PDB file of N, CA and C in Angstrom:
ATOM      1  N   UNK A   1      84.382 202.810  94.297  1.00  0.00           N
ATOM      2  CA  UNK A   1      83.239 202.401  93.545  1.00  0.00           C
ATOM      3  C   UNK A   1      83.628 201.798  92.167  1.00  0.00           C
ATOM      4  N   UNK A   2      84.583 202.411  91.526  1.00  0.00           N
ATOM      5  CA  UNK A   2      85.052 201.878  90.265  1.00  0.00           C
ATOM      6  C   UNK A   2      85.744 200.538  90.466  1.00  0.00           C
ATOM      7  N   UNK A   3      86.417 200.362  91.589  1.00  0.00           N
ATOM      8  CA  UNK A   3      87.121 199.108  91.874  1.00  0.00           C
ATOM      9  C   UNK A   3      86.100 197.982  92.102  1.00  0.00           C
ATOM     10  N   UNK A   4      84.953 198.321  92.751  1.00  0.00           N
ATOM     11  CA  UNK A   4      83.920 197.291  92.947  1.00  0.00           C
ATOM     12  C   UNK A   4      83.333 196.861  91.605  1.00  0.00           C
ATOM     13  N   UNK A   5      83.147 197.766  90.692  1.00  0.00           N
ATOM     14  CA  UNK A   5      82.623 197.462  89.377  1.00  0.00           C
ATOM     15  C   UNK A   5      83.618 196.572  88.611  1.00  0.00           C
ATOM     16  N   UNK A   6      84.897 196.900  88.689  1.00  0.00           N
ATOM     17  CA  UNK A   6      85.946 196.101  88.060  1.00  0.00           C
ATOM     18  C   UNK A   6      85.985 194.741  88.653  1.00  0.00           C
ATOM     19  N   UNK A   7      85.838 194.628  89.986  1.00  0.00           N
ATOM     20  CA  UNK A   7      85.889 193.346  90.659  1.00  0.00           C
ATOM     21  C   UNK A   7      84.708 192.457  90.227  1.00  0.00           C
ATOM     22  N   UNK A   8      83.520 193.074  90.113  1.00  0.00           N
ATOM     23  CA  UNK A   8      82.324 192.329  89.673  1.00  0.00           C
ATOM     24  C   UNK A   8      82.494 191.856  88.213  1.00  0.00           C
ATOM     25  N   UNK A   9      83.036 192.693  87.373  1.00  0.00           N
ATOM     26  CA  UNK A   9      83.280 192.314  85.994  1.00  0.00           C
ATOM     27  C   UNK A   9      84.306 191.185  85.910  1.00  0.00           C
ATOM     28  N   UNK A  10      85.324 191.244  86.734  1.00  0.00           N
ATOM     29  CA  UNK A  10      86.369 190.213  86.763  1.00  0.00           C
ATOM     30  C   UNK A  10      85.781 188.872  87.215  1.00  0.00           C
ATOM     31  N   UNK A  11      84.934 188.945  88.252  1.00  0.00           N
ATOM     32  CA  UNK A  11      84.284 187.703  88.738  1.00  0.00           C
ATOM     33  C   UNK A  11      83.380 187.135  87.648  1.00  0.00           C
ATOM     34  N   UNK A  12      82.651 188.011  86.951  1.00  0.00           N
ATOM     35  CA  UNK A  12      81.768 187.589  85.865  1.00  0.00           C
ATOM     36  C   UNK A  12      82.564 186.932  84.748  1.00  0.00           C
ATOM     37  N   UNK A  13      83.674 187.521  84.395  1.00  0.00           N
ATOM     38  CA  UNK A  13      84.519 186.976  83.337  1.00  0.00           C
ATOM     39  C   UNK A  13      85.078 185.601  83.743  1.00  0.00           C
ATOM     40  N   UNK A  14      85.464 185.508  84.994  1.00  0.00           N
ATOM     41  CA  UNK A  14      85.975 184.201  85.472  1.00  0.00           C
ATOM     42  C   UNK A  14      84.897 183.111  85.455  1.00  0.00           C
ATOM     43  N   UNK A  15      83.661 183.466  85.817  1.00  0.00           N
ATOM     44  CA  UNK A  15      82.563 182.509  85.761  1.00  0.00           C
ATOM     45  C   UNK A  15      82.269 182.088  84.322  1.00  0.00           C
ATOM     46  N   UNK A  16      82.273 183.078  83.436  1.00  0.00           N
ATOM     47  CA  UNK A  16      82.001 182.779  82.035  1.00  0.00           C
ATOM     48  C   UNK A  16      83.114 181.925  81.425  1.00  0.00           C
ATOM     49  N   UNK A  17      84.335 182.202  81.798  1.00  0.00           N
ATOM     50  CA  UNK A  17      85.451 181.395  81.303  1.00  0.00           C
ATOM     51  C   UNK A  17      85.367 179.972  81.839  1.00  0.00           C
ATOM     52  N   UNK A  18      85.009 179.856  83.105  1.00  0.00           N
ATOM     53  CA  UNK A  18      84.861 178.533  83.717  1.00  0.00           C
ATOM     54  C   UNK A  18      83.736 177.762  83.017  1.00  0.00           C
ATOM     55  N   UNK A  19      82.610 178.427  82.782  1.00  0.00           N
ATOM     56  CA  UNK A  19      81.483 177.766  82.067  1.00  0.00           C
ATOM     57  C   UNK A  19      81.880 177.367  80.667  1.00  0.00           C
ATOM     58  N   UNK A  20      82.631 178.228  79.990  1.00  0.00           N
ATOM     59  CA  UNK A  20      83.065 177.938  78.609  1.00  0.00           C
ATOM     60  C   UNK A  20      83.990 176.723  78.601  1.00  0.00           C
ATOM     61  N   UNK A  21      84.896 176.630  79.528  1.00  0.00           N
ATOM     62  CA  UNK A  21      85.833 175.481  79.614  1.00  0.00           C
ATOM     63  C   UNK A  21      85.030 174.212  79.878  1.00  0.00           C
ATOM     64  N   UNK A  22      84.097 174.253  80.805  1.00  0.00           N
ATOM     65  CA  UNK A  22      83.304 173.061  81.130  1.00  0.00           C
ATOM     66  C   UNK A  22      82.495 172.601  79.915  1.00  0.00           C
ATOM     67  N   UNK A  23      81.848 173.568  79.259  1.00  0.00           N
ATOM     68  CA  UNK A  23      81.027 173.209  78.071  1.00  0.00           C
ATOM     69  C   UNK A  23      81.893 172.731  76.923  1.00  0.00           C
ATOM     70  N   UNK A  24      83.050 173.277  76.739  1.00  0.00           N
ATOM     71  CA  UNK A  24      83.971 172.805  75.695  1.00  0.00           C
ATOM     72  C   UNK A  24      84.454 171.380  76.017  1.00  0.00           C
ATOM     73  N   UNK A  25      84.768 171.133  77.248  1.00  0.00           N
ATOM     74  CA  UNK A  25      85.200 169.780  77.663  1.00  0.00           C
ATOM     75  C   UNK A  25      84.056 168.793  77.432  1.00  0.00           C
ATOM     76  N   UNK A  26      82.848 169.165  77.783  1.00  0.00           N
ATOM     77  CA  UNK A  26      81.690 168.272  77.560  1.00  0.00           C
ATOM     78  C   UNK A  26      81.472 168.026  76.060  1.00  0.00           C
ATOM     79  N   UNK A  27      81.623 169.088  75.268  1.00  0.00           N
ATOM     80  CA  UNK A  27      81.452 168.917  73.840  1.00  0.00           C
ATOM     81  C   UNK A  27      82.471 167.946  73.240  1.00  0.00           C
ATOM     82  N   UNK A  28      83.731 168.117  73.611  1.00  0.00           N
ATOM     83  CA  UNK A  28      84.748 167.237  73.047  1.00  0.00           C
ATOM     84  C   UNK A  28      84.653 165.839  73.575  1.00  0.00           C
ATOM     85  N   UNK A  29      84.145 165.649  74.772  1.00  0.00           N
ATOM     86  CA  UNK A  29      83.893 164.281  75.269  1.00  0.00           C
ATOM     87  C   UNK A  29      82.803 163.626  74.404  1.00  0.00           C
ATOM     88  N   UNK A  30      81.711 164.355  74.148  1.00  0.00           N
ATOM     89  CA  UNK A  30      80.672 163.818  73.315  1.00  0.00           C
ATOM     90  C   UNK A  30      81.113 163.576  71.877  1.00  0.00           C
ATOM     91  N   UNK A  31      81.919 164.526  71.360  1.00  0.00           N
ATOM     92  CA  UNK A  31      82.467 164.343  69.995  1.00  0.00           C
ATOM     93  C   UNK A  31      83.336 163.123  69.907  1.00  0.00           C
ATOM     94  N   UNK A  32      84.208 162.942  70.931  1.00  0.00           N
ATOM     95  CA  UNK A  32      85.082 161.771  70.947  1.00  0.00           C
ATOM     96  C   UNK A  32      84.283 160.473  71.054  1.00  0.00           C
ATOM     97  N   UNK A  33      83.247 160.501  71.881  1.00  0.00           N
ATOM     98  CA  UNK A  33      82.378 159.295  72.013  1.00  0.00           C
ATOM     99  C   UNK A  33      81.682 158.976  70.667  1.00  0.00           C
ATOM    100  N   UNK A  34      81.199 160.021  70.018  1.00  0.00           N
ATOM    101  CA  UNK A  34      80.548 159.825  68.724  1.00  0.00           C
ATOM    102  C   UNK A  34      81.505 159.232  67.689  1.00  0.00           C
ATOM    103  N   UNK A  35      82.677 159.804  67.619  1.00  0.00           N
ATOM    104  CA  UNK A  35      83.658 159.284  66.640  1.00  0.00           C
ATOM    105  C   UNK A  35      84.084 157.855  66.989  1.00  0.00           C
ATOM    106  N   UNK A  36      84.285 157.593  68.278  1.00  0.00           N
ATOM    107  CA  UNK A  36      84.651 156.212  68.694  1.00  0.00           C
ATOM    108  C   UNK A  36      83.572 155.230  68.383  1.00  0.00           C
ATOM    109  N   UNK A  37      82.312 155.595  68.607  1.00  0.00           N
ATOM    110  CA  UNK A  37      81.208 154.684  68.318  1.00  0.00           C
ATOM    111  C   UNK A  37      81.016 154.465  66.839  1.00  0.00           C
ATOM    112  N   UNK A  38      81.163 155.503  66.021  1.00  0.00           N
ATOM    113  CA  UNK A  38      81.026 155.339  64.581  1.00  0.00           C
ATOM    114  C   UNK A  38      82.144 154.431  64.065  1.00  0.00           C
ATOM    115  N   UNK A  39      83.351 154.642  64.554  1.00  0.00           N
ATOM    116  CA  UNK A  39      84.493 153.796  64.133  1.00  0.00           C
ATOM    117  C   UNK A  39      84.276 152.368  64.568  1.00  0.00           C
ATOM    118  N   UNK A  40      83.834 152.176  65.805  1.00  0.00           N
ATOM    119  CA  UNK A  40      83.623 150.821  66.325  1.00  0.00           C
ATOM    120  C   UNK A  40      82.557 150.102  65.549  1.00  0.00           C
ATOM    121  N   UNK A  41      81.422 150.773  65.325  1.00  0.00           N
ATOM    122  CA  UNK A  41      80.362 150.107  64.581  1.00  0.00           C
ATOM    123  C   UNK A  41      80.748 149.821  63.149  1.00  0.00           C
ATOM    124  N   UNK A  42      81.525 150.741  62.541  1.00  0.00           N
ATOM    125  CA  UNK A  42      81.944 150.484  61.161  1.00  0.00           C
ATOM    126  C   UNK A  42      82.902 149.284  61.098  1.00  0.00           C
ATOM    127  N   UNK A  43      83.811 149.195  62.091  1.00  0.00           N
ATOM    128  CA  UNK A  43      84.731 148.035  62.109  1.00  0.00           C
ATOM    129  C   UNK A  43      83.962 146.762  62.384  1.00  0.00           C
ATOM    130  N   UNK A  44      82.974 146.800  63.258  1.00  0.00           N
ATOM    131  CA  UNK A  44      82.169 145.617  63.558  1.00  0.00           C
ATOM    132  C   UNK A  44      81.401 145.166  62.309  1.00  0.00           C
ATOM    133  N   UNK A  45      80.753 146.108  61.611  1.00  0.00           N
ATOM    134  CA  UNK A  45      80.032 145.768  60.384  1.00  0.00           C
ATOM    135  C   UNK A  45      80.974 145.201  59.339  1.00  0.00           C
ATOM    136  N   UNK A  46      82.137 145.816  59.189  1.00  0.00           N
ATOM    137  CA  UNK A  46      83.101 145.334  58.231  1.00  0.00           C
ATOM    138  C   UNK A  46      83.555 143.916  58.580  1.00  0.00           C
ATOM    139  N   UNK A  47      83.781 143.661  59.886  1.00  0.00           N
ATOM    140  CA  UNK A  47      84.225 142.323  60.310  1.00  0.00           C
ATOM    141  C   UNK A  47      83.153 141.287  60.043  1.00  0.00           C
ATOM    142  N   UNK A  48      81.885 141.606  60.331  1.00  0.00           N
ATOM    143  CA  UNK A  48      80.815 140.640  60.056  1.00  0.00           C
ATOM    144  C   UNK A  48      80.683 140.348  58.574  1.00  0.00           C
ATOM    145  N   UNK A  49      80.747 141.393  57.746  1.00  0.00           N
ATOM    146  CA  UNK A  49      80.658 141.179  56.311  1.00  0.00           C
ATOM    147  C   UNK A  49      81.839 140.363  55.819  1.00  0.00           C
ATOM    148  N   UNK A  50      83.019 140.644  56.362  1.00  0.00           N
ATOM    149  CA  UNK A  50      84.213 139.893  55.985  1.00  0.00           C
ATOM    150  C   UNK A  50      84.102 138.424  56.403  1.00  0.00           C
ATOM    151  N   UNK A  51      83.557 138.179  57.580  1.00  0.00           N
ATOM    152  CA  UNK A  51      83.368 136.801  58.030  1.00  0.00           C
ATOM    153  C   UNK A  51      82.422 136.057  57.126  1.00  0.00           C
ATOM    154  N   UNK A  52      81.303 136.669  56.784  1.00  0.00           N
ATOM    155  CA  UNK A  52      80.326 135.986  55.898  1.00  0.00           C
ATOM    156  C   UNK A  52      80.937 135.787  54.507  1.00  0.00           C
ATOM    157  N   UNK A  53      81.638 136.756  54.015  1.00  0.00           N
ATOM    158  CA  UNK A  53      82.263 136.614  52.680  1.00  0.00           C
ATOM    159  C   UNK A  53      83.330 135.531  52.718  1.00  0.00           C
ATOM    160  N   UNK A  54      84.056 135.437  53.798  1.00  0.00           N
ATOM    161  CA  UNK A  54      85.098 134.400  53.931  1.00  0.00           C
ATOM    162  C   UNK A  54      84.471 132.988  53.928  1.00  0.00           C
ATOM    163  N   UNK A  55      83.317 132.859  54.573  1.00  0.00           N
ATOM    164  CA  UNK A  55      82.630 131.545  54.575  1.00  0.00           C
ATOM    165  C   UNK A  55      82.208 131.194  53.174  1.00  0.00           C
ATOM    166  N   UNK A  56      81.613 132.148  52.444  1.00  0.00           N
ATOM    167  CA  UNK A  56      81.172 131.873  51.055  1.00  0.00           C
ATOM    168  C   UNK A  56      82.381 131.542  50.199  1.00  0.00           C
ATOM    169  N   UNK A  57      83.476 132.321  50.372  1.00  0.00           N
ATOM    170  CA  UNK A  57      84.680 132.062  49.612  1.00  0.00           C
ATOM    171  C   UNK A  57      85.267 130.702  49.915  1.00  0.00           C
ATOM    172  N   UNK A  58      85.279 130.312  51.183  1.00  0.00           N
ATOM    173  CA  UNK A  58      85.811 129.020  51.576  1.00  0.00           C
ATOM    174  C   UNK A  58      85.032 127.864  50.949  1.00  0.00           C
ATOM    175  N   UNK A  59      83.708 127.880  51.138  1.00  0.00           N
ATOM    176  CA  UNK A  59      82.921 126.791  50.567  1.00  0.00           C
ATOM    177  C   UNK A  59      82.907 126.809  49.031  1.00  0.00           C
ATOM    178  N   UNK A  60      82.909 128.007  48.440  1.00  0.00           N
ATOM    179  CA  UNK A  60      82.982 128.103  47.009  1.00  0.00           C
ATOM    180  C   UNK A  60      84.308 127.560  46.469  1.00  0.00           C
ATOM    181  N   UNK A  61      85.373 127.846  47.178  1.00  0.00           N
ATOM    182  CA  UNK A  61      86.690 127.380  46.746  1.00  0.00           C
ATOM    183  C   UNK A  61      86.804 125.858  46.838  1.00  0.00           C
ATOM    184  N   UNK A  62      86.302 125.302  47.933  1.00  0.00           N
ATOM    185  CA  UNK A  62      86.327 123.859  48.095  1.00  0.00           C
ATOM    186  C   UNK A  62      85.464 123.214  47.001  1.00  0.00           C
ATOM    187  N   UNK A  63      84.295 123.782  46.742  1.00  0.00           N
ATOM    188  CA  UNK A  63      83.417 123.225  45.706  1.00  0.00           C
ATOM    189  C   UNK A  63      84.072 123.315  44.333  1.00  0.00           C
ATOM    190  N   UNK A  64      84.690 124.436  44.046  1.00  0.00           N
ATOM    191  CA  UNK A  64      85.359 124.602  42.752  1.00  0.00           C
ATOM    192  C   UNK A  64      86.545 123.644  42.623  1.00  0.00           C
ATOM    193  N   UNK A  65      87.308 123.492  43.704  1.00  0.00           N
ATOM    194  CA  UNK A  65      88.464 122.575  43.645  1.00  0.00           C
ATOM    195  C   UNK A  65      87.988 121.156  43.435  1.00  0.00           C
ATOM    196  N   UNK A  66      86.905 120.739  44.113  1.00  0.00           N
ATOM    197  CA  UNK A  66      86.379 119.404  43.898  1.00  0.00           C
ATOM    198  C   UNK A  66      85.861 119.194  42.505  1.00  0.00           C
ATOM    199  N   UNK A  67      85.165 120.216  41.979  1.00  0.00           N
ATOM    200  CA  UNK A  67      84.633 120.131  40.601  1.00  0.00           C
ATOM    201  C   UNK A  67      85.768 120.032  39.575  1.00  0.00           C
ATOM    202  N   UNK A  68      86.807 120.857  39.756  1.00  0.00           N
ATOM    203  CA  UNK A  68      87.941 120.787  38.833  1.00  0.00           C
ATOM    204  C   UNK A  68      88.653 119.447  38.975  1.00  0.00           C
ATOM    205  N   UNK A  69      88.747 118.976  40.220  1.00  0.00           N
ATOM    206  CA  UNK A  69      89.389 117.670  40.440  1.00  0.00           C
ATOM    207  C   UNK A  69      88.629 116.533  39.780  1.00  0.00           C
ATOM    208  N   UNK A  70      87.318 116.573  39.834  1.00  0.00           N
ATOM    209  CA  UNK A  70      86.520 115.528  39.180  1.00  0.00           C
ATOM    210  C   UNK A  70      86.679 115.622  37.684  1.00  0.00           C
ATOM    211  N   UNK A  71      86.701 116.836  37.130  1.00  0.00           N
ATOM    212  CA  UNK A  71      86.849 117.022  35.683  1.00  0.00           C
ATOM    213  C   UNK A  71      88.195 116.490  35.192  1.00  0.00           C
ATOM    214  N   UNK A  72      89.284 116.749  35.960  1.00  0.00           N
ATOM    215  CA  UNK A  72      90.608 116.285  35.516  1.00  0.00           C
ATOM    216  C   UNK A  72      90.954 114.922  36.072  1.00  0.00           C
ATOM    217  N   UNK A  73      90.153 114.406  36.968  1.00  0.00           N
ATOM    218  CA  UNK A  73      90.396 113.047  37.480  1.00  0.00           C
ATOM    219  C   UNK A  73      91.360 113.017  38.637  1.00  0.00           C
ATOM    220  N   UNK A  74      91.700 114.169  39.222  1.00  0.00           N
ATOM    221  CA  UNK A  74      92.616 114.229  40.352  1.00  0.00           C
ATOM    222  C   UNK A  74      92.245 115.412  41.212  1.00  0.00           C
ATOM    223  N   UNK A  75      91.939 115.120  42.477  1.00  0.00           N
ATOM    224  CA  UNK A  75      91.580 116.202  43.381  1.00  0.00           C
ATOM    225  C   UNK A  75      92.767 117.143  43.656  1.00  0.00           C
ATOM    226  N   UNK A  76      93.964 116.598  43.606  1.00  0.00           N
ATOM    227  CA  UNK A  76      95.156 117.441  43.835  1.00  0.00           C
ATOM    228  C   UNK A  76      95.246 118.517  42.779  1.00  0.00           C
ATOM    229  N   UNK A  77      94.998 118.175  41.542  1.00  0.00           N
ATOM    230  CA  UNK A  77      95.044 119.179  40.477  1.00  0.00           C
ATOM    231  C   UNK A  77      93.988 120.248  40.704  1.00  0.00           C
ATOM    232  N   UNK A  78      92.824 119.859  41.160  1.00  0.00           N
ATOM    233  CA  UNK A  78      91.753 120.834  41.434  1.00  0.00           C
ATOM    234  C   UNK A  78      92.139 121.791  42.535  1.00  0.00           C
ATOM    235  N   UNK A  79      92.675 121.273  43.628  1.00  0.00           N
ATOM    236  CA  UNK A  79      93.068 122.142  44.723  1.00  0.00           C
ATOM    237  C   UNK A  79      94.280 123.007  44.377  1.00  0.00           C
ATOM    238  N   UNK A  80      95.215 122.439  43.613  1.00  0.00           N
ATOM    239  CA  UNK A  80      96.370 123.249  43.171  1.00  0.00           C
ATOM    240  C   UNK A  80      95.955 124.338  42.228  1.00  0.00           C
ATOM    241  N   UNK A  81      95.001 124.105  41.336  1.00  0.00           N
ATOM    242  CA  UNK A  81      94.588 125.136  40.420  1.00  0.00           C
ATOM    243  C   UNK A  81      93.837 126.265  41.149  1.00  0.00           C
ATOM    244  N   UNK A  82      93.018 125.907  42.144  1.00  0.00           N
ATOM    245  CA  UNK A  82      92.348 126.959  42.916  1.00  0.00           C
ATOM    246  C   UNK A  82      93.358 127.758  43.745  1.00  0.00           C
ATOM    247  N   UNK A  83      94.330 127.054  44.316  1.00  0.00           N
ATOM    248  CA  UNK A  83      95.407 127.712  45.085  1.00  0.00           C
ATOM    249  C   UNK A  83      96.239 128.643  44.152  1.00  0.00           C
ATOM    250  N   UNK A  84      96.542 128.202  42.952  1.00  0.00           N
ATOM    251  CA  UNK A  84      97.259 129.030  41.992  1.00  0.00           C
ATOM    252  C   UNK A  84      96.450 130.259  41.588  1.00  0.00           C
ATOM    253  N   UNK A  85      95.147 130.093  41.444  1.00  0.00           N
ATOM    254  CA  UNK A  85      94.273 131.217  41.143  1.00  0.00           C
ATOM    255  C   UNK A  85      94.352 132.262  42.260  1.00  0.00           C
ATOM    256  N   UNK A  86      94.275 131.810  43.530  1.00  0.00           N
ATOM    257  CA  UNK A  86      94.383 132.744  44.645  1.00  0.00           C
ATOM    258  C   UNK A  86      95.756 133.378  44.749  1.00  0.00           C
ATOM    259  N   UNK A  87      96.792 132.651  44.377  1.00  0.00           N
ATOM    260  CA  UNK A  87      98.133 133.221  44.372  1.00  0.00           C
ATOM    261  C   UNK A  87      98.229 134.359  43.353  1.00  0.00           C
ATOM    262  N   UNK A  88      97.674 134.183  42.192  1.00  0.00           N
ATOM    263  CA  UNK A  88      97.674 135.216  41.160  1.00  0.00           C
ATOM    264  C   UNK A  88      96.888 136.448  41.625  1.00  0.00           C
ATOM    265  N   UNK A  89      95.712 136.220  42.232  1.00  0.00           N
ATOM    266  CA  UNK A  89      94.897 137.317  42.751  1.00  0.00           C
ATOM    267  C   UNK A  89      95.661 138.058  43.822  1.00  0.00           C
ATOM    268  N   UNK A  90      96.360 137.348  44.715  1.00  0.00           N
ATOM    269  CA  UNK A  90      97.148 137.993  45.803  1.00  0.00           C
ATOM    270  C   UNK A  90      98.267 138.833  45.235  1.00  0.00           C
ATOM    271  N   UNK A  91      98.963 138.338  44.240  1.00  0.00           N
ATOM    272  CA  UNK A  91     100.051 139.117  43.620  1.00  0.00           C
ATOM    273  C   UNK A  91      99.488 140.378  42.949  1.00  0.00           C
ATOM    274  N   UNK A  92      98.359 140.250  42.241  1.00  0.00           N
ATOM    275  CA  UNK A  92      97.759 141.432  41.628  1.00  0.00           C
ATOM    276  C   UNK A  92      97.316 142.443  42.654  1.00  0.00           C
ATOM    277  N   UNK A  93      96.724 141.997  43.757  1.00  0.00           N
ATOM    278  CA  UNK A  93      96.261 142.894  44.800  1.00  0.00           C
ATOM    279  C   UNK A  93      97.433 143.591  45.491  1.00  0.00           C
ATOM    280  N   UNK A  94      98.575 142.932  45.583  1.00  0.00           N
ATOM    281  CA  UNK A  94      99.736 143.549  46.223  1.00  0.00           C
ATOM    282  C   UNK A  94     100.225 144.763  45.418  1.00  0.00           C
ATOM    283  N   UNK A  95     100.024 144.700  44.101  1.00  0.00           N
ATOM    284  CA  UNK A  95     100.428 145.818  43.256  1.00  0.00           C
ATOM    285  C   UNK A  95      99.499 147.013  43.327  1.00  0.00           C
ATOM    286  N   UNK A  96      98.210 146.744  43.547  1.00  0.00           N
ATOM    287  CA  UNK A  96      97.235 147.845  43.539  1.00  0.00           C
ATOM    288  C   UNK A  96      96.616 148.071  44.925  1.00  0.00           C
ATOM    289  N   UNK A  97      97.267 147.619  45.976  1.00  0.00           N
ATOM    290  CA  UNK A  97      96.690 147.710  47.336  1.00  0.00           C
ATOM    291  C   UNK A  97      96.448 149.153  47.773  1.00  0.00           C
ATOM    292  N   UNK A  98      97.285 150.064  47.403  1.00  0.00           N
ATOM    293  CA  UNK A  98      97.116 151.452  47.848  1.00  0.00           C
ATOM    294  C   UNK A  98      95.847 152.066  47.247  1.00  0.00           C
ATOM    295  N   UNK A  99      95.531 151.715  46.024  1.00  0.00           N
ATOM    296  CA  UNK A  99      94.314 152.272  45.388  1.00  0.00           C
ATOM    297  C   UNK A  99      93.076 151.522  45.813  1.00  0.00           C
ATOM    298  N   UNK A 100      93.178 150.230  46.020  1.00  0.00           N
ATOM    299  CA  UNK A 100      91.996 149.400  46.283  1.00  0.00           C
ATOM    300  C   UNK A 100      91.681 149.368  47.788  1.00  0.00           C
ATOM    301  N   UNK A 101      92.708 149.274  48.637  1.00  0.00           N
ATOM    302  CA  UNK A 101      92.444 149.080  50.066  1.00  0.00           C
ATOM    303  C   UNK A 101      92.683 150.327  50.874  1.00  0.00           C
ATOM    304  N   UNK A 102      93.878 150.890  50.783  1.00  0.00           N
ATOM    305  CA  UNK A 102      94.246 152.016  51.671  1.00  0.00           C
ATOM    306  C   UNK A 102      93.459 153.263  51.381  1.00  0.00           C
ATOM    307  N   UNK A 103      93.216 153.574  50.125  1.00  0.00           N
ATOM    308  CA  UNK A 103      92.506 154.764  49.735  1.00  0.00           C
ATOM    309  C   UNK A 103      91.077 154.826  50.281  1.00  0.00           C
ATOM    310  N   UNK A 104      90.241 153.818  50.023  1.00  0.00           N
ATOM    311  CA  UNK A 104      88.886 153.874  50.506  1.00  0.00           C
ATOM    312  C   UNK A 104      88.789 153.850  52.056  1.00  0.00           C
ATOM    313  N   UNK A 105      89.689 153.148  52.696  1.00  0.00           N
ATOM    314  CA  UNK A 105      89.658 153.122  54.196  1.00  0.00           C
ATOM    315  C   UNK A 105      90.054 154.473  54.733  1.00  0.00           C
ATOM    316  N   UNK A 106      91.083 155.090  54.182  1.00  0.00           N
ATOM    317  CA  UNK A 106      91.492 156.409  54.623  1.00  0.00           C
ATOM    318  C   UNK A 106      90.395 157.436  54.355  1.00  0.00           C
ATOM    319  N   UNK A 107      89.760 157.292  53.222  1.00  0.00           N
ATOM    320  CA  UNK A 107      88.679 158.252  52.866  1.00  0.00           C
ATOM    321  C   UNK A 107      87.494 158.106  53.832  1.00  0.00           C
ATOM    322  N   UNK A 108      87.116 156.879  54.177  1.00  0.00           N
ATOM    323  CA  UNK A 108      86.004 156.677  55.096  1.00  0.00           C
ATOM    324  C   UNK A 108      86.309 157.200  56.480  1.00  0.00           C
ATOM    325  N   UNK A 109      87.494 156.911  57.016  1.00  0.00           N
ATOM    326  CA  UNK A 109      87.835 157.405  58.346  1.00  0.00           C
ATOM    327  C   UNK A 109      88.006 158.918  58.352  1.00  0.00           C
ATOM    328  N   UNK A 110      88.508 159.489  57.255  1.00  0.00           N
ATOM    329  CA  UNK A 110      88.570 160.961  57.183  1.00  0.00           C
ATOM    330  C   UNK A 110      87.201 161.556  57.188  1.00  0.00           C
ATOM    331  N   UNK A 111      86.262 160.936  56.513  1.00  0.00           N
ATOM    332  CA  UNK A 111      84.885 161.403  56.532  1.00  0.00           C
ATOM    333  C   UNK A 111      84.310 161.366  57.956  1.00  0.00           C
ATOM    334  N   UNK A 112      84.577 160.328  58.708  1.00  0.00           N
ATOM    335  CA  UNK A 112      84.066 160.203  60.076  1.00  0.00           C
ATOM    336  C   UNK A 112      84.674 161.278  60.970  1.00  0.00           C
ATOM    337  N   UNK A 113      85.986 161.455  60.887  1.00  0.00           N
ATOM    338  CA  UNK A 113      86.671 162.358  61.821  1.00  0.00           C
ATOM    339  C   UNK A 113      86.514 163.823  61.466  1.00  0.00           C
ATOM    340  N   UNK A 114      86.517 164.175  60.193  1.00  0.00           N
ATOM    341  CA  UNK A 114      86.601 165.569  59.834  1.00  0.00           C
ATOM    342  C   UNK A 114      85.304 166.211  59.322  1.00  0.00           C
ATOM    343  N   UNK A 115      84.354 165.417  58.858  1.00  0.00           N
ATOM    344  CA  UNK A 115      83.156 165.994  58.289  1.00  0.00           C
ATOM    345  C   UNK A 115      82.032 166.209  59.277  1.00  0.00           C
ATOM    346  N   UNK A 116      82.210 165.731  60.524  1.00  0.00           N
ATOM    347  CA  UNK A 116      81.121 165.854  61.513  1.00  0.00           C
ATOM    348  C   UNK A 116      81.342 167.057  62.397  1.00  0.00           C
TER     349      UNK A 116
END
């Protein structure tokens, strides 16, 4: 009689363990899907904003180069001055890239992965 009781308890524990494993697997699948979707949508939004900003920057740069070229009487000087401006900006960004670029991106992805 005691063995039957132990056998029933063992079967019950096995069922509960099996249910726990299935529910944990389902939870982590949903969690992974949520994190993947948040990351994907964030990257897509960032890409669209970057594309729009790049178009504005492109046309603004061409306009500025043409305006500078008209002012100095040479389009080459206008385009070289705009190119030099971007070279200076690129050099400055290379010095502060960890604070400006890597830090905020790491912080945002950490927020997505660990705070949910």
